[in-house]
Amino acid sequence: MSDTLPEELNPDYAILIGRVASSWSAVEANINFATWAVAGIAPALGACMTAQINSLDGRLRALLALLKLRRAPASLIKNVNKFADEIRGPNERRNRIIHDAWYWNSSGQVARMEVVAPRKLKMDLIETSLDDLRNDLVYVREFTARAVSIKESIYAAPPSLPGIPPEELEPIVDPR
């Protein structure tokens, strides 16, 4: 990667990187819509809250807590839990594609500079082919489809809030 850098990244790479970002935003949007539906609030009100939850993990935890409170079917809770457990891999791929710096040379070699240190530093140029990126996009899109499915399942099976005792809905009463 020591050659003089061309002015722009190969457009085929740029398109795939953009598609990964766009697909991932659909994952997050569908989880947000599902959360607002379970909470029983309008999207504008819900967005004021979910926009403050920076990680998808945090949003999924909120969704699961709401599903349990609303006494959603066990199969739906199990499906969301499985999704939450399995989303880490695609989330990390998305992070690497979107947040790593991209390098290329005049001969067409492309690499991303991966710098992570979860428990030990990893700092390396990772050669990345268009096929690698296409495969990553397919992987991310699988989870986009699953997020849509979760949202649709929630829309189709509204939990039973009316059956929840008031003391569960208001465990702490405002002392005013």
Protein backbone atom coordinates (compact mmCIF):
# COMPACT_ATOMS: atom_id res chain seq x y z
CA MET A 1 0.00 0.00 0.00
CA SER A 2 2.97 2.31 -0.42
CA ASP A 3 2.02 3.53 -3.90
CA THR A 4 0.77 7.05 -4.40
CA LEU A 5 -2.89 7.17 -3.51
CA PRO A 6 -5.37 7.90 -6.27
CA GLU A 7 -7.80 10.70 -5.60
CA GLU A 8 -10.87 8.56 -4.89
CA LEU A 9 -11.75 5.09 -3.71
CA ASN A 10 -12.96 2.78 -6.46
CA PRO A 11 -16.68 3.62 -6.89
CA ASP A 12 -17.63 -0.08 -6.63
CA TYR A 13 -16.17 -0.13 -3.12
CA ALA A 14 -17.80 3.15 -2.19
CA ILE A 15 -21.20 1.89 -3.34
CA LEU A 16 -20.90 -1.31 -1.29
CA ILE A 17 -19.74 0.59 1.81
CA GLY A 18 -22.74 2.90 1.42
CA ARG A 19 -25.11 -0.06 1.02
CA VAL A 20 -23.80 -1.65 4.21
CA ALA A 21 -24.41 1.64 6.06
CA SER A 22 -27.89 1.99 4.58
CA SER A 23 -28.83 -1.62 5.35
CA TRP A 24 -27.66 -1.25 8.93
CA SER A 25 -29.69 1.92 9.40
CA ALA A 26 -32.73 -0.14 8.39
CA VAL A 27 -31.92 -2.66 11.15
CA GLU A 28 -31.90 0.16 13.71
CA ALA A 29 -35.02 1.86 12.32
CA ASN A 30 -37.04 -1.37 12.43
CA ILE A 31 -36.01 -2.04 16.03
CA ASN A 32 -37.00 1.54 16.89
CA PHE A 33 -40.44 1.18 15.28
CA ALA A 34 -40.96 -2.14 17.09
CA THR A 35 -40.01 -0.53 20.41
CA TRP A 36 -42.40 2.38 19.94
CA ALA A 37 -45.20 -0.02 19.03
CA VAL A 38 -44.63 -2.18 22.13
CA ALA A 39 -44.45 0.95 24.30
CA GLY A 40 -47.73 2.09 22.76
CA ILE A 41 -46.46 5.55 21.91
CA ALA A 42 -46.38 7.66 18.79
CA PRO A 43 -43.17 7.47 16.76
CA ALA A 44 -42.29 11.12 17.44
CA LEU A 45 -42.52 10.56 21.21
CA GLY A 46 -40.64 7.27 21.00
CA ALA A 47 -37.91 8.78 18.85
CA CYS A 48 -37.19 11.33 21.59
CA MET A 49 -36.28 8.37 23.82
CA THR A 50 -34.68 5.85 21.47
CA ALA A 51 -32.50 8.56 19.92
CA GLN A 52 -30.81 8.79 23.34
CA ILE A 53 -29.90 5.09 23.33
CA ASN A 54 -26.64 5.03 21.40
CA SER A 55 -26.14 1.30 20.94
CA LEU A 56 -28.32 -1.25 19.24
CA ASP A 57 -27.68 -3.50 22.24
CA GLY A 58 -29.29 -0.87 24.49
CA ARG A 59 -32.28 -0.54 22.19
CA LEU A 60 -32.75 -4.31 22.09
CA ARG A 61 -32.57 -4.46 25.90
CA ALA A 62 -35.28 -1.80 26.10
CA LEU A 63 -37.41 -3.67 23.57
CA LEU A 64 -37.04 -6.93 25.51
CA ALA A 65 -37.95 -5.26 28.80
CA LEU A 66 -41.06 -3.76 27.19
CA LEU A 67 -42.04 -7.09 25.61
CA LYS A 68 -41.79 -8.80 29.00
CA LEU A 69 -43.73 -6.05 30.75
CA ARG A 70 -46.42 -6.20 28.07
CA ARG A 71 -46.59 -9.98 28.45
CA ALA A 72 -45.73 -10.66 24.83
CA PRO A 73 -45.85 -14.28 23.66
CA ALA A 74 -42.83 -16.29 24.81
CA SER A 75 -42.03 -17.20 21.20
CA LEU A 76 -41.69 -13.52 20.30
CA ILE A 77 -39.45 -12.80 23.29
CA LYS A 78 -37.34 -15.84 22.39
CA ASN A 79 -37.02 -14.60 18.78
CA VAL A 80 -35.90 -11.12 19.89
CA ASN A 81 -33.45 -12.63 22.41
CA LYS A 82 -31.94 -14.83 19.69
CA PHE A 83 -31.63 -11.82 17.38
CA ALA A 84 -29.98 -9.79 20.17
CA ASP A 85 -27.48 -12.61 20.79
CA GLU A 86 -26.66 -13.05 17.11
CA ILE A 87 -26.46 -9.37 16.10
CA ARG A 88 -22.98 -8.82 17.57
CA GLY A 89 -21.17 -10.42 14.61
CA PRO A 90 -22.88 -8.40 11.88
CA ASN A 91 -22.66 -5.26 14.02
CA GLU A 92 -18.90 -5.69 14.28
CA ARG A 93 -18.61 -6.22 10.51
CA ARG A 94 -20.67 -3.10 9.93
CA ASN A 95 -18.47 -1.15 12.35
CA ARG A 96 -15.29 -2.24 10.62
CA ILE A 97 -16.66 -1.37 7.17
CA ILE A 98 -18.01 2.02 8.20
CA HIS A 99 -15.46 3.15 10.80
CA ASP A 100 -12.16 1.76 9.52
CA ALA A 101 -10.06 3.98 7.28
CA TRP A 102 -9.82 2.72 3.68
CA TYR A 103 -6.57 2.71 1.71
CA TRP A 104 -5.85 1.88 -1.91
CA ASN A 105 -3.05 2.07 -4.42
CA SER A 106 -2.79 2.67 -8.14
CA SER A 107 -2.69 -1.07 -8.89
CA GLY A 108 -6.21 -1.46 -7.45
CA GLN A 109 -5.38 -3.10 -4.12
CA VAL A 110 -7.77 -1.98 -1.40
CA ALA A 111 -7.43 -2.43 2.34
CA ARG A 112 -9.05 -1.12 5.46
CA MET A 113 -7.03 -0.16 8.51
CA GLU A 114 -8.49 -2.11 11.41
CA VAL A 115 -7.65 -0.66 14.80
CA VAL A 116 -9.42 -2.39 17.69
CA ALA A 117 -8.41 -3.19 21.24
CA PRO A 118 -11.18 -5.11 23.01
CA ARG A 119 -8.62 -6.86 25.24
CA LYS A 120 -5.51 -6.68 23.08
CA LEU A 121 -4.53 -4.23 20.35
CA LYS A 122 -5.10 -5.29 16.78
CA MET A 123 -3.80 -2.77 14.27
CA ASP A 124 -3.41 -3.97 10.72
CA LEU A 125 -4.18 -3.31 7.09
CA ILE A 126 -6.73 -5.90 5.98
CA GLU A 127 -6.86 -6.41 2.22
CA THR A 128 -10.51 -6.41 1.21
CA SER A 129 -11.82 -7.54 -2.15
CA LEU A 130 -15.11 -6.53 -3.71
CA ASP A 131 -16.29 -10.10 -3.12
CA ASP A 132 -15.47 -9.74 0.59
CA LEU A 133 -17.56 -6.58 0.75
CA ARG A 134 -20.42 -8.15 -1.21
CA ASN A 135 -20.45 -11.08 1.23
CA ASP A 136 -20.50 -8.67 4.17
CA LEU A 137 -23.43 -6.82 2.59
CA VAL A 138 -25.35 -10.10 2.18
CA TYR A 139 -24.63 -10.93 5.84
CA VAL A 140 -25.85 -7.52 7.04
CA ARG A 141 -28.95 -7.71 4.84
CA GLU A 142 -29.90 -11.04 6.46
CA PHE A 143 -30.16 -9.19 9.77
CA THR A 144 -32.03 -6.32 8.14
CA ALA A 145 -34.64 -8.84 7.01
CA ARG A 146 -34.76 -10.35 10.50
CA ALA A 147 -35.29 -6.91 12.05
CA VAL A 148 -38.19 -6.30 9.64
CA SER A 149 -39.62 -9.70 10.61
CA ILE A 150 -39.40 -8.86 14.31
CA LYS A 151 -41.17 -5.55 13.75
CA GLU A 152 -43.91 -7.23 11.71
CA SER A 153 -44.34 -9.94 14.38
CA ILE A 154 -44.77 -7.25 17.00
CA TYR A 155 -47.29 -5.39 14.85
CA ALA A 156 -49.22 -8.64 14.24
CA ALA A 157 -49.35 -9.80 17.87
CA PRO A 158 -50.04 -6.83 20.11
CA PRO A 159 -49.16 -7.64 23.72
CA SER A 160 -51.87 -7.41 26.38
CA LEU A 161 -51.10 -4.28 28.40
CA PRO A 162 -54.60 -3.99 29.88
CA GLY A 163 -54.02 -7.19 31.89
CA ILE A 164 -51.05 -5.74 33.78
CA PRO A 165 -51.82 -4.71 37.37
CA PRO A 166 -51.47 -0.95 38.01
CA GLU A 167 -48.78 -1.54 40.67
CA GLU A 168 -46.55 -3.05 37.94
CA LEU A 169 -47.12 -0.08 35.65
CA GLU A 170 -46.57 2.45 38.43
CA PRO A 171 -44.30 0.75 40.97
CA ILE A 172 -43.17 4.14 42.26
CA VAL A 173 -45.81 6.81 42.75
CA ASP A 174 -44.85 10.45 42.40
CA PRO A 175 -44.77 11.75 46.00
CA ARG A 176 -46.14 15.20 45.16
